[in-house]
PDB file of N, CA and C in Angstrom:
ATOM      1  N   MET A   1      87.627  92.450  91.248  1.00  0.00           N
ATOM      2  CA  MET A   1      88.068  93.192  91.870  1.00  0.00           C
ATOM      3  C   MET A   1      89.217  93.461  92.447  1.00  0.00           C
ATOM      4  N   LEU A   2      90.421  92.647  92.031  1.00  0.00           N
ATOM      5  CA  LEU A   2      91.755  92.850  91.689  1.00  0.00           C
ATOM      6  C   LEU A   2      92.219  94.018  91.157  1.00  0.00           C
ATOM      7  N   ASN A   3      91.216  94.694  89.744  1.00  0.00           N
ATOM      8  CA  ASN A   3      91.657  95.861  89.384  1.00  0.00           C
ATOM      9  C   ASN A   3      90.801  96.940  90.191  1.00  0.00           C
ATOM     10  N   LEU A   4      89.869  96.743  91.035  1.00  0.00           N
ATOM     11  CA  LEU A   4      89.618  97.955  91.476  1.00  0.00           C
ATOM     12  C   LEU A   4      90.456  98.239  92.538  1.00  0.00           C
ATOM     13  N   ILE A   5      90.921  97.295  93.564  1.00  0.00           N
ATOM     14  CA  ILE A   5      91.571  97.392  94.402  1.00  0.00           C
ATOM     15  C   ILE A   5      93.046  98.215  93.897  1.00  0.00           C
ATOM     16  N   LEU A   6      93.397  97.588  92.966  1.00  0.00           N
ATOM     17  CA  LEU A   6      94.855  98.262  92.327  1.00  0.00           C
ATOM     18  C   LEU A   6      94.735  99.562  91.975  1.00  0.00           C
ATOM     19  N   THR A   7      93.346  99.846  91.386  1.00  0.00           N
ATOM     20  CA  THR A   7      92.950 101.365  90.767  1.00  0.00           C
ATOM     21  C   THR A   7      92.802 102.063  91.937  1.00  0.00           C
ATOM     22  N   TRP A   8      92.557 101.589  92.869  1.00  0.00           N
ATOM     23  CA  TRP A   8      92.498 102.581  94.203  1.00  0.00           C
ATOM     24  C   TRP A   8      93.609 102.768  94.734  1.00  0.00           C
ATOM     25  N   LEU A   9      94.949 101.547  95.068  1.00  0.00           N
ATOM     26  CA  LEU A   9      95.945 102.015  95.469  1.00  0.00           C
ATOM     27  C   LEU A   9      96.561 102.942  94.592  1.00  0.00           C
ATOM     28  N   VAL A  10      96.900 103.040  93.282  1.00  0.00           N
ATOM     29  CA  VAL A  10      97.275 104.113  92.527  1.00  0.00           C
ATOM     30  C   VAL A  10      96.979 105.424  92.580  1.00  0.00           C
ATOM     31  N   THR A  11      95.646 105.406  92.800  1.00  0.00           N
ATOM     32  CA  THR A  11      95.397 106.733  92.791  1.00  0.00           C
ATOM     33  C   THR A  11      95.470 107.510  94.323  1.00  0.00           C
ATOM     34  N   SER A  12      95.389 106.534  95.366  1.00  0.00           N
ATOM     35  CA  SER A  12      95.999 106.805  96.357  1.00  0.00           C
ATOM     36  C   SER A  12      97.415 107.311  96.141  1.00  0.00           C
ATOM     37  N   ILE A  13      98.225 106.579  95.887  1.00  0.00           N
ATOM     38  CA  ILE A  13      99.645 107.082  95.636  1.00  0.00           C
ATOM     39  C   ILE A  13     100.055 108.408  94.658  1.00  0.00           C
ATOM     40  N   SER A  14      98.690 108.190  93.550  1.00  0.00           N
ATOM     41  CA  SER A  14      98.999 109.476  93.119  1.00  0.00           C
ATOM     42  C   SER A  14      98.377 110.560  93.537  1.00  0.00           C
ATOM     43  N   PHE A  15      97.607 110.674  94.532  1.00  0.00           N
ATOM     44  CA  PHE A  15      97.096 111.784  95.563  1.00  0.00           C
ATOM     45  C   PHE A  15      98.331 112.120  96.328  1.00  0.00           C
ATOM     46  N   LEU A  16      99.176 111.138  96.609  1.00  0.00           N
ATOM     47  CA  LEU A  16     100.459 111.713  97.709  1.00  0.00           C
ATOM     48  C   LEU A  16     101.428 112.139  96.837  1.00  0.00           C
ATOM     49  N   ILE A  17     101.510 111.593  95.622  1.00  0.00           N
ATOM     50  CA  ILE A  17     102.288 112.469  94.743  1.00  0.00           C
ATOM     51  C   ILE A  17     101.972 114.023  94.365  1.00  0.00           C
ATOM     52  N   ILE A  18     100.620 114.128  93.978  1.00  0.00           N
ATOM     53  CA  ILE A  18     100.147 115.732  93.891  1.00  0.00           C
ATOM     54  C   ILE A  18     100.232 116.514  95.024  1.00  0.00           C
ATOM     55  N   SER A  19     100.090 115.917  95.951  1.00  0.00           N
ATOM     56  CA  SER A  19     100.573 116.762  97.403  1.00  0.00           C
ATOM     57  C   SER A  19     101.873 117.151  97.452  1.00  0.00           C
ATOM     58  N   LYS A  20     102.665 116.378  97.113  1.00  0.00           N
ATOM     59  CA  LYS A  20     104.103 116.562  97.024  1.00  0.00           C
ATOM     60  C   LYS A  20     104.723 117.881  96.122  1.00  0.00           C
ATOM     61  N   LEU A  21     103.834 117.737  94.998  1.00  0.00           N
ATOM     62  CA  LEU A  21     103.967 119.020  93.964  1.00  0.00           C
ATOM     63  C   LEU A  21     103.471 120.796  94.785  1.00  0.00           C
ATOM     64  N   PRO A  22     103.638 121.615  93.980  1.00  0.00           N
ATOM     65  CA  PRO A  22     103.391 122.841  94.541  1.00  0.00           C
ATOM     66  C   PRO A  22     102.292 123.069  93.573  1.00  0.00           C
ATOM     67  N   LEU A  23     101.388 122.231  93.608  1.00  0.00           N
ATOM     68  CA  LEU A  23      99.845 122.956  93.497  1.00  0.00           C
ATOM     69  C   LEU A  23      98.933 123.258  94.181  1.00  0.00           C
ATOM     70  N   GLY A  24      99.075 123.468  95.407  1.00  0.00           N
ATOM     71  CA  GLY A  24      98.262 124.117  96.624  1.00  0.00           C
ATOM     72  C   GLY A  24      97.353 122.878  97.116  1.00  0.00           C
ATOM     73  N   ILE A  25      97.640 121.450  96.987  1.00  0.00           N
ATOM     74  CA  ILE A  25      96.761 120.916  97.542  1.00  0.00           C
ATOM     75  C   ILE A  25      97.563 119.648  98.288  1.00  0.00           C
ATOM     76  N   GLU A  26      97.060 119.916  99.987  1.00  0.00           N
ATOM     77  CA  GLU A  26      97.867 119.089 101.014  1.00  0.00           C
ATOM     78  C   GLU A  26      97.034 118.052 101.788  1.00  0.00           C
ATOM     79  N   ILE A  27      97.617 116.630 101.815  1.00  0.00           N
ATOM     80  CA  ILE A  27      97.221 115.824 102.200  1.00  0.00           C
ATOM     81  C   ILE A  27      98.357 115.539 103.539  1.00  0.00           C
ATOM     82  N   ASP A  28      97.597 115.275 104.657  1.00  0.00           N
ATOM     83  CA  ASP A  28      98.419 114.596 105.317  1.00  0.00           C
ATOM     84  C   ASP A  28      99.116 113.532 105.647  1.00  0.00           C
ATOM     85  N   GLY A  29      98.911 112.420 104.905  1.00  0.00           N
ATOM     86  CA  GLY A  29      99.282 111.375 105.164  1.00  0.00           C
ATOM     87  C   GLY A  29      98.562 110.225 104.278  1.00  0.00           C
ATOM     88  N   PHE A  30      98.880 108.947 104.011  1.00  0.00           N
ATOM     89  CA  PHE A  30      98.745 107.593 103.060  1.00  0.00           C
ATOM     90  C   PHE A  30      97.160 107.699 103.342  1.00  0.00           C
ATOM     91  N   GLY A  31      97.095 107.394 104.996  1.00  0.00           N
ATOM     92  CA  GLY A  31      95.497 107.395 105.046  1.00  0.00           C
ATOM     93  C   GLY A  31      94.284 107.939 104.725  1.00  0.00           C
ATOM     94  N   LYS A  32      94.814 109.140 104.847  1.00  0.00           N
ATOM     95  CA  LYS A  32      93.570 110.345 103.988  1.00  0.00           C
ATOM     96  C   LYS A  32      93.781 110.314 103.037  1.00  0.00           C
ATOM     97  N   ALA A  33      95.006 110.226 102.144  1.00  0.00           N
ATOM     98  CA  ALA A  33      94.971 110.013 100.648  1.00  0.00           C
ATOM     99  C   ALA A  33      94.211 108.775 100.275  1.00  0.00           C
ATOM    100  N   ALA A  34      94.274 107.272 100.844  1.00  0.00           N
ATOM    101  CA  ALA A  34      93.684 106.186 100.414  1.00  0.00           C
ATOM    102  C   ALA A  34      91.776 106.633 100.794  1.00  0.00           C
ATOM    103  N   ILE A  35      91.580 107.278 101.995  1.00  0.00           N
ATOM    104  CA  ILE A  35      90.248 107.621 101.870  1.00  0.00           C
ATOM    105  C   ILE A  35      89.897 108.765 100.876  1.00  0.00           C
ATOM    106  N   ALA A  36      90.745 109.978 100.794  1.00  0.00           N
ATOM    107  CA  ALA A  36      90.284 110.962 100.041  1.00  0.00           C
ATOM    108  C   ALA A  36      90.354 110.189  98.432  1.00  0.00           C
ATOM    109  N   ALA A  37      90.829 109.396  97.845  1.00  0.00           N
ATOM    110  CA  ALA A  37      91.111 108.525  96.916  1.00  0.00           C
ATOM    111  C   ALA A  37      89.636 107.582  96.608  1.00  0.00           C
ATOM    112  N   ALA A  38      89.084 106.757  97.806  1.00  0.00           N
ATOM    113  CA  ALA A  38      87.807 105.912  97.502  1.00  0.00           C
ATOM    114  C   ALA A  38      86.797 107.374  97.590  1.00  0.00           C
ATOM    115  N   VAL A  39      86.583 108.439  98.169  1.00  0.00           N
ATOM    116  CA  VAL A  39      85.868 109.405  98.049  1.00  0.00           C
ATOM    117  C   VAL A  39      85.678 110.025  96.712  1.00  0.00           C
ATOM    118  N   PHE A  40      86.691 110.250  96.167  1.00  0.00           N
ATOM    119  CA  PHE A  40      86.730 110.834  94.990  1.00  0.00           C
ATOM    120  C   PHE A  40      86.536 109.509  93.728  1.00  0.00           C
ATOM    121  N   GLY A  41      86.687 108.332  93.836  1.00  0.00           N
ATOM    122  CA  GLY A  41      85.774 107.000  92.991  1.00  0.00           C
ATOM    123  C   GLY A  41      84.475 107.035  93.113  1.00  0.00           C
ATOM    124  N   LEU A  42      83.964 107.223  94.546  1.00  0.00           N
ATOM    125  CA  LEU A  42      82.513 107.054  94.654  1.00  0.00           C
ATOM    126  C   LEU A  42      82.317 108.365  93.978  1.00  0.00           C
ATOM    127  N   LEU A  43      82.391 109.582  94.380  1.00  0.00           N
ATOM    128  CA  LEU A  43      82.192 110.821  93.581  1.00  0.00           C
ATOM    129  C   LEU A  43      82.043 111.161  92.157  1.00  0.00           C
ATOM    130  N   ASN A  44      82.831 110.528  91.587  1.00  0.00           N
ATOM    131  CA  ASN A  44      83.029 110.050  90.057  1.00  0.00           C
ATOM    132  C   ASN A  44      82.212 109.073  89.747  1.00  0.00           C
ATOM    133  N   ALA A  45      81.623 108.278  90.450  1.00  0.00           N
ATOM    134  CA  ALA A  45      80.779 106.935  89.750  1.00  0.00           C
ATOM    135  C   ALA A  45      79.197 107.564  89.912  1.00  0.00           C
ATOM    136  N   LEU A  46      79.052 108.221  91.270  1.00  0.00           N
ATOM    137  CA  LEU A  46      77.645 109.099  91.246  1.00  0.00           C
ATOM    138  C   LEU A  46      77.272 110.132  90.593  1.00  0.00           C
ATOM    139  N   LEU A  47      78.158 111.215  90.990  1.00  0.00           N
ATOM    140  CA  LEU A  47      77.943 112.586  90.611  1.00  0.00           C
ATOM    141  C   LEU A  47      77.925 112.795  89.175  1.00  0.00           C
ATOM    142  N   LEU A  48      79.061 112.425  88.727  1.00  0.00           N
ATOM    143  CA  LEU A  48      80.037 112.418  87.182  1.00  0.00           C
ATOM    144  C   LEU A  48      78.704 112.407  86.745  1.00  0.00           C
ATOM    145  N   PRO A  49      77.975 111.398  86.227  1.00  0.00           N
ATOM    146  CA  PRO A  49      76.691 111.115  85.256  1.00  0.00           C
ATOM    147  C   PRO A  49      75.689 112.149  85.547  1.00  0.00           C
ATOM    148  N   ILE A  50      75.575 112.367  86.588  1.00  0.00           N
ATOM    149  CA  ILE A  50      74.357 113.557  86.741  1.00  0.00           C
ATOM    150  C   ILE A  50      75.008 115.018  86.181  1.00  0.00           C
ATOM    151  N   LEU A  51      76.428 115.074  86.694  1.00  0.00           N
ATOM    152  CA  LEU A  51      76.602 116.303  85.908  1.00  0.00           C
ATOM    153  C   LEU A  51      77.011 116.702  84.474  1.00  0.00           C
ATOM    154  N   THR A  52      76.855 115.293  84.312  1.00  0.00           N
ATOM    155  CA  THR A  52      77.580 115.526  82.649  1.00  0.00           C
ATOM    156  C   THR A  52      76.092 116.037  81.887  1.00  0.00           C
ATOM    157  N   VAL A  53      74.980 115.252  82.678  1.00  0.00           N
ATOM    158  CA  VAL A  53      73.560 115.327  81.560  1.00  0.00           C
ATOM    159  C   VAL A  53      73.480 116.699  81.563  1.00  0.00           C
ATOM    160  N   LEU A  54      73.253 117.422  83.215  1.00  0.00           N
ATOM    161  CA  LEU A  54      73.158 118.928  83.381  1.00  0.00           C
ATOM    162  C   LEU A  54      73.906 119.712  82.420  1.00  0.00           C
ATOM    163  N   ALA A  55      75.390 119.550  82.185  1.00  0.00           N
ATOM    164  CA  ALA A  55      76.229 120.076  81.714  1.00  0.00           C
ATOM    165  C   ALA A  55      76.487 119.685  80.373  1.00  0.00           C
ATOM    166  N   PHE A  56      75.643 119.087  79.380  1.00  0.00           N
ATOM    167  CA  PHE A  56      75.740 118.107  77.995  1.00  0.00           C
ATOM    168  C   PHE A  56      75.837 119.896  77.402  1.00  0.00           C
ATOM    169  N   PRO A  57      75.255 120.879  77.251  1.00  0.00           N
ATOM    170  CA  PRO A  57      75.319 121.802  76.484  1.00  0.00           C
ATOM    171  C   PRO A  57      76.869 122.202  76.557  1.00  0.00           C
ATOM    172  N   LEU A  58      77.199 122.950  77.830  1.00  0.00           N
ATOM    173  CA  LEU A  58      78.626 123.243  78.022  1.00  0.00           C
ATOM    174  C   LEU A  58      79.593 122.671  77.454  1.00  0.00           C
ATOM    175  N   ILE A  59      79.514 121.424  77.512  1.00  0.00           N
ATOM    176  CA  ILE A  59      80.391 120.241  77.362  1.00  0.00           C
ATOM    177  C   ILE A  59      80.527 120.115  75.560  1.00  0.00           C
ATOM    178  N   ILE A  60      79.319 120.424  74.980  1.00  0.00           N
ATOM    179  CA  ILE A  60      79.206 120.010  73.567  1.00  0.00           C
ATOM    180  C   ILE A  60      79.931 121.371  72.839  1.00  0.00           C
ATOM    181  N   LEU A  61      79.570 122.640  73.778  1.00  0.00           N
ATOM    182  CA  LEU A  61      80.187 123.775  73.354  1.00  0.00           C
ATOM    183  C   LEU A  61      81.514 124.146  73.611  1.00  0.00           C
ATOM    184  N   THR A  62      81.837 123.714  74.246  1.00  0.00           N
ATOM    185  CA  THR A  62      83.648 123.418  74.530  1.00  0.00           C
ATOM    186  C   THR A  62      84.318 122.364  74.013  1.00  0.00           C
ATOM    187  N   LEU A  63      83.793 121.553  73.245  1.00  0.00           N
ATOM    188  CA  LEU A  63      83.950 120.500  72.760  1.00  0.00           C
ATOM    189  C   LEU A  63      84.820 119.556  73.690  1.00  0.00           C
ATOM    190  N   GLY A  64      83.912 118.994  74.834  1.00  0.00           N
ATOM    191  CA  GLY A  64      84.743 118.502  75.755  1.00  0.00           C
ATOM    192  C   GLY A  64      85.719 119.181  76.924  1.00  0.00           C
ATOM    193  N   LEU A  65      85.861 120.466  76.291  1.00  0.00           N
ATOM    194  CA  LEU A  65      86.661 120.891  77.524  1.00  0.00           C
ATOM    195  C   LEU A  65      86.277 121.019  78.905  1.00  0.00           C
ATOM    196  N   PHE A  66      85.029 121.126  79.169  1.00  0.00           N
ATOM    197  CA  PHE A  66      84.235 121.578  80.166  1.00  0.00           C
ATOM    198  C   PHE A  66      83.954 120.128  81.350  1.00  0.00           C
ATOM    199  N   PHE A  67      84.657 119.355  80.879  1.00  0.00           N
ATOM    200  CA  PHE A  67      84.834 118.155  81.692  1.00  0.00           C
ATOM    201  C   PHE A  67      85.903 118.086  82.500  1.00  0.00           C
ATOM    202  N   LEU A  68      87.045 118.961  82.197  1.00  0.00           N
ATOM    203  CA  LEU A  68      88.026 119.671  83.379  1.00  0.00           C
ATOM    204  C   LEU A  68      87.455 120.195  84.313  1.00  0.00           C
ATOM    205  N   VAL A  69      86.147 121.244  84.048  1.00  0.00           N
ATOM    206  CA  VAL A  69      85.705 121.521  85.249  1.00  0.00           C
ATOM    207  C   VAL A  69      84.877 120.714  86.081  1.00  0.00           C
ATOM    208  N   LEU A  70      84.408 119.977  85.411  1.00  0.00           N
ATOM    209  CA  LEU A  70      83.190 118.749  86.223  1.00  0.00           C
ATOM    210  C   LEU A  70      84.124 118.066  87.039  1.00  0.00           C
ATOM    211  N   ASN A  71      85.147 117.524  86.502  1.00  0.00           N
ATOM    212  CA  ASN A  71      86.541 116.599  87.216  1.00  0.00           C
ATOM    213  C   ASN A  71      86.724 117.840  88.323  1.00  0.00           C
ATOM    214  N   ALA A  72      86.940 119.064  88.672  1.00  0.00           N
ATOM    215  CA  ALA A  72      87.610 119.993  89.498  1.00  0.00           C
ATOM    216  C   ALA A  72      86.462 119.917  90.620  1.00  0.00           C
ATOM    217  N   ILE A  73      85.184 119.995  90.025  1.00  0.00           N
ATOM    218  CA  ILE A  73      84.205 120.137  91.142  1.00  0.00           C
ATOM    219  C   ILE A  73      84.054 119.038  92.023  1.00  0.00           C
ATOM    220  N   ILE A  74      84.126 117.916  91.394  1.00  0.00           N
ATOM    221  CA  ILE A  74      84.625 116.783  92.013  1.00  0.00           C
ATOM    222  C   ILE A  74      85.533 116.565  93.160  1.00  0.00           C
ATOM    223  N   PHE A  75      86.909 116.703  92.064  1.00  0.00           N
ATOM    224  CA  PHE A  75      87.860 116.878  93.300  1.00  0.00           C
ATOM    225  C   PHE A  75      87.746 117.795  94.462  1.00  0.00           C
ATOM    226  N   ALA A  76      87.256 118.793  94.108  1.00  0.00           N
ATOM    227  CA  ALA A  76      86.810 119.880  95.536  1.00  0.00           C
ATOM    228  C   ALA A  76      85.907 119.250  96.404  1.00  0.00           C
ATOM    229  N   LEU A  77      84.872 118.588  95.841  1.00  0.00           N
ATOM    230  CA  LEU A  77      83.686 118.361  96.575  1.00  0.00           C
ATOM    231  C   LEU A  77      84.428 116.924  97.325  1.00  0.00           C
ATOM    232  N   ALA A  78      85.393 116.560  97.082  1.00  0.00           N
ATOM    233  CA  ALA A  78      86.313 115.607  97.678  1.00  0.00           C
ATOM    234  C   ALA A  78      86.957 115.878  98.898  1.00  0.00           C
ATOM    235  N   ALA A  79      87.847 117.285  98.052  1.00  0.00           N
ATOM    236  CA  ALA A  79      88.044 117.657  99.359  1.00  0.00           C
ATOM    237  C   ALA A  79      87.946 118.281 100.447  1.00  0.00           C
ATOM    238  N   TYR A  80      86.391 118.586 100.089  1.00  0.00           N
ATOM    239  CA  TYR A  80      85.695 119.740 101.305  1.00  0.00           C
ATOM    240  C   TYR A  80      85.141 118.619 102.061  1.00  0.00           C
ATOM    241  N   LEU A  81      85.190 116.950 101.687  1.00  0.00           N
ATOM    242  CA  LEU A  81      84.106 116.138 102.601  1.00  0.00           C
ATOM    243  C   LEU A  81      85.463 115.239 103.427  1.00  0.00           C
ATOM    244  N   VAL A  82      86.586 114.897 102.843  1.00  0.00           N
ATOM    245  CA  VAL A  82      87.685 114.698 103.654  1.00  0.00           C
ATOM    246  C   VAL A  82      88.801 115.326 104.355  1.00  0.00           C
ATOM    247  N   GLU A  83      88.550 115.558 105.812  1.00  0.00           N
ATOM    248  CA  GLU A  83      89.201 115.761 106.696  1.00  0.00           C
ATOM    249  C   GLU A  83      90.699 115.240 106.489  1.00  0.00           C
ATOM    250  N   GLY A  84      91.751 116.891 106.163  1.00  0.00           N
ATOM    251  CA  GLY A  84      92.887 116.418 105.933  1.00  0.00           C
ATOM    252  C   GLY A  84      93.662 116.548 104.755  1.00  0.00           C
ATOM    253  N   PHE A  85      92.616 116.832 103.952  1.00  0.00           N
ATOM    254  CA  PHE A  85      92.606 116.799 102.618  1.00  0.00           C
ATOM    255  C   PHE A  85      92.401 118.324 102.226  1.00  0.00           C
ATOM    256  N   ARG A  86      92.988 119.345 101.779  1.00  0.00           N
ATOM    257  CA  ARG A  86      93.121 120.644 101.776  1.00  0.00           C
ATOM    258  C   ARG A  86      93.553 121.028 100.567  1.00  0.00           C
ATOM    259  N   LEU A  87      92.584 122.481 100.159  1.00  0.00           N
ATOM    260  CA  LEU A  87      92.877 122.764  98.782  1.00  0.00           C
ATOM    261  C   LEU A  87      93.621 124.187  99.306  1.00  0.00           C
ATOM    262  N   ARG A  88      94.646 124.768  99.094  1.00  0.00           N
ATOM    263  CA  ARG A  88      95.132 126.133  99.312  1.00  0.00           C
ATOM    264  C   ARG A  88      94.670 127.154  98.361  1.00  0.00           C
ATOM    265  N   TRP A  89      94.446 127.168  97.227  1.00  0.00           N
ATOM    266  CA  TRP A  89      93.939 127.870  96.441  1.00  0.00           C
ATOM    267  C   TRP A  89      92.212 127.738  95.938  1.00  0.00           C
ATOM    268  N   GLY A  90      92.101 127.296  96.473  1.00  0.00           N
ATOM    269  CA  GLY A  90      90.510 126.664  96.343  1.00  0.00           C
ATOM    270  C   GLY A  90      90.093 125.969  94.474  1.00  0.00           C
ATOM    271  N   PHE A  91      89.132 126.471  94.133  1.00  0.00           N
ATOM    272  CA  PHE A  91      88.968 126.061  92.724  1.00  0.00           C
ATOM    273  C   PHE A  91      90.179 125.515  91.667  1.00  0.00           C
ATOM    274  N   TRP A  92      91.474 126.544  91.639  1.00  0.00           N
ATOM    275  CA  TRP A  92      92.481 126.604  91.130  1.00  0.00           C
ATOM    276  C   TRP A  92      93.529 124.947  91.169  1.00  0.00           C
ATOM    277  N   SER A  93      93.070 125.167  92.522  1.00  0.00           N
ATOM    278  CA  SER A  93      94.148 124.071  93.113  1.00  0.00           C
ATOM    279  C   SER A  93      93.233 122.675  92.543  1.00  0.00           C
ATOM    280  N   ALA A  94      92.413 122.295  92.445  1.00  0.00           N
ATOM    281  CA  ALA A  94      91.089 121.806  92.325  1.00  0.00           C
ATOM    282  C   ALA A  94      91.200 121.701  90.797  1.00  0.00           C
ATOM    283  N   LEU A  95      91.143 122.361  89.855  1.00  0.00           N
ATOM    284  CA  LEU A  95      91.544 122.218  88.487  1.00  0.00           C
ATOM    285  C   LEU A  95      92.530 121.701  88.374  1.00  0.00           C
ATOM    286  N   ILE A  96      93.682 122.357  88.803  1.00  0.00           N
ATOM    287  CA  ILE A  96      94.820 121.969  88.614  1.00  0.00           C
ATOM    288  C   ILE A  96      95.253 120.294  89.259  1.00  0.00           C
ATOM    289  N   GLY A  97      94.854 120.023  90.322  1.00  0.00           N
ATOM    290  CA  GLY A  97      95.092 118.795  90.904  1.00  0.00           C
ATOM    291  C   GLY A  97      94.314 117.977  89.965  1.00  0.00           C
ATOM    292  N   SER A  98      93.297 118.136  89.669  1.00  0.00           N
ATOM    293  CA  SER A  98      92.445 116.883  88.930  1.00  0.00           C
ATOM    294  C   SER A  98      93.405 116.540  87.435  1.00  0.00           C
ATOM    295  N   LEU A  99      93.864 117.951  87.084  1.00  0.00           N
ATOM    296  CA  LEU A  99      94.241 117.681  85.493  1.00  0.00           C
ATOM    297  C   LEU A  99      96.064 116.644  86.450  1.00  0.00           C
ATOM    298  N   ALA A 100      96.344 116.873  87.399  1.00  0.00           N
ATOM    299  CA  ALA A 100      97.558 116.110  87.482  1.00  0.00           C
ATOM    300  C   ALA A 100      97.273 114.835  87.347  1.00  0.00           C
ATOM    301  N   LEU A 101      96.173 114.339  88.649  1.00  0.00           N
ATOM    302  CA  LEU A 101      95.565 113.383  88.716  1.00  0.00           C
ATOM    303  C   LEU A 101      95.208 112.326  87.645  1.00  0.00           C
ATOM    304  N   ALA A 102      94.604 112.880  87.189  1.00  0.00           N
ATOM    305  CA  ALA A 102      94.333 112.548  85.745  1.00  0.00           C
ATOM    306  C   ALA A 102      96.057 111.875  84.722  1.00  0.00           C
ATOM    307  N   ILE A 103      96.800 112.584  84.625  1.00  0.00           N
ATOM    308  CA  ILE A 103      97.787 112.199  84.291  1.00  0.00           C
ATOM    309  C   ILE A 103      98.770 111.415  85.309  1.00  0.00           C
ATOM    310  N   ILE A 104      98.960 111.175  86.553  1.00  0.00           N
ATOM    311  CA  ILE A 104      99.817 110.573  86.798  1.00  0.00           C
ATOM    312  C   ILE A 104      99.005 108.991  86.930  1.00  0.00           C
ATOM    313  N   ASN A 105      97.509 109.331  87.190  1.00  0.00           N
ATOM    314  CA  ASN A 105      96.843 108.256  87.620  1.00  0.00           C
ATOM    315  C   ASN A 105      97.187 107.233  85.849  1.00  0.00           C
ATOM    316  N   SER A 106      96.855 107.797  84.971  1.00  0.00           N
ATOM    317  CA  SER A 106      97.285 107.327  83.370  1.00  0.00           C
ATOM    318  C   SER A 106      98.720 106.642  83.150  1.00  0.00           C
ATOM    319  N   ILE A 107      99.845 107.180  83.960  1.00  0.00           N
ATOM    320  CA  ILE A 107     101.082 107.001  83.637  1.00  0.00           C
ATOM    321  C   ILE A 107     101.316 105.837  84.695  1.00  0.00           C
ATOM    322  N   LEU A 108     100.689 105.967  85.932  1.00  0.00           N
ATOM    323  CA  LEU A 108     100.886 104.319  86.830  1.00  0.00           C
ATOM    324  C   LEU A 108     100.267 103.326  86.784  1.00  0.00           C
ATOM    325  N   LEU A 109      99.086 103.429  86.121  1.00  0.00           N
ATOM    326  CA  LEU A 109      98.160 102.385  85.547  1.00  0.00           C
ATOM    327  C   LEU A 109      98.438 101.690  84.336  1.00  0.00           C
ATOM    328  N   GLY A 110      98.944 102.651  83.070  1.00  0.00           N
ATOM    329  CA  GLY A 110      99.866 102.241  82.039  1.00  0.00           C
ATOM    330  C   GLY A 110     100.910 101.503  82.304  1.00  0.00           C
ATOM    331  N   ILE A 111     101.795 101.745  83.420  1.00  0.00           N
ATOM    332  CA  ILE A 111     103.051 100.687  83.697  1.00  0.00           C
ATOM    333  C   ILE A 111     102.401  99.591  84.589  1.00  0.00           C
ATOM    334  N   LEU A 112     101.604  99.769  85.477  1.00  0.00           N
ATOM    335  CA  LEU A 112     100.748  98.513  86.109  1.00  0.00           C
ATOM    336  C   LEU A 112     100.090  97.465  85.466  1.00  0.00           C
ATOM    337  N   TYR A 113      99.086  97.861  84.686  1.00  0.00           N
ATOM    338  CA  TYR A 113      98.316  96.860  84.470  1.00  0.00           C
ATOM    339  C   TYR A 113      98.879  95.841  82.947  1.00  0.00           C
ATOM    340  N   PRO A 114      99.990  96.282  82.541  1.00  0.00           N
ATOM    341  CA  PRO A 114     100.426  95.193  81.875  1.00  0.00           C
ATOM    342  C   PRO A 114     101.059  94.195  82.651  1.00  0.00           C
ATOM    343  N   LEU A 115     101.486  94.615  83.985  1.00  0.00           N
ATOM    344  CA  LEU A 115     102.106  93.186  84.390  1.00  0.00           C
ATOM    345  C   LEU A 115     101.030  92.416  85.265  1.00  0.00           C
ATOM    346  N   THR A 116     100.062  92.753  85.066  1.00  0.00           N
ATOM    347  CA  THR A 116      98.461  92.078  86.027  1.00  0.00           C
ATOM    348  C   THR A 116      98.233  90.806  85.120  1.00  0.00           C
TER     349      THR A 116
END
């Protein structure tokens, strides 16, 4: 349970960090980032397996790079569902933002998990 809360907090902080970068992503504050992180996590848990099965031929054809598009779709859907979380340039902001979120989350979780 502690790992789940830690991951959620790190993802919230990652959302805040990427909103400060010039990527076309706007988040109103930490509360909205925390909600966005929870919605993004739920969508990843519920929707990503379904999209993966449906897009399996494209994933194989692109050697796994289509996962970036699937993550961008989930990122954009989270932005659509959460008030105060906006994508200035549409799909391109979602694509760059999901890539930045993955990188920043990996760095922060790599630093924090050995400490727990």
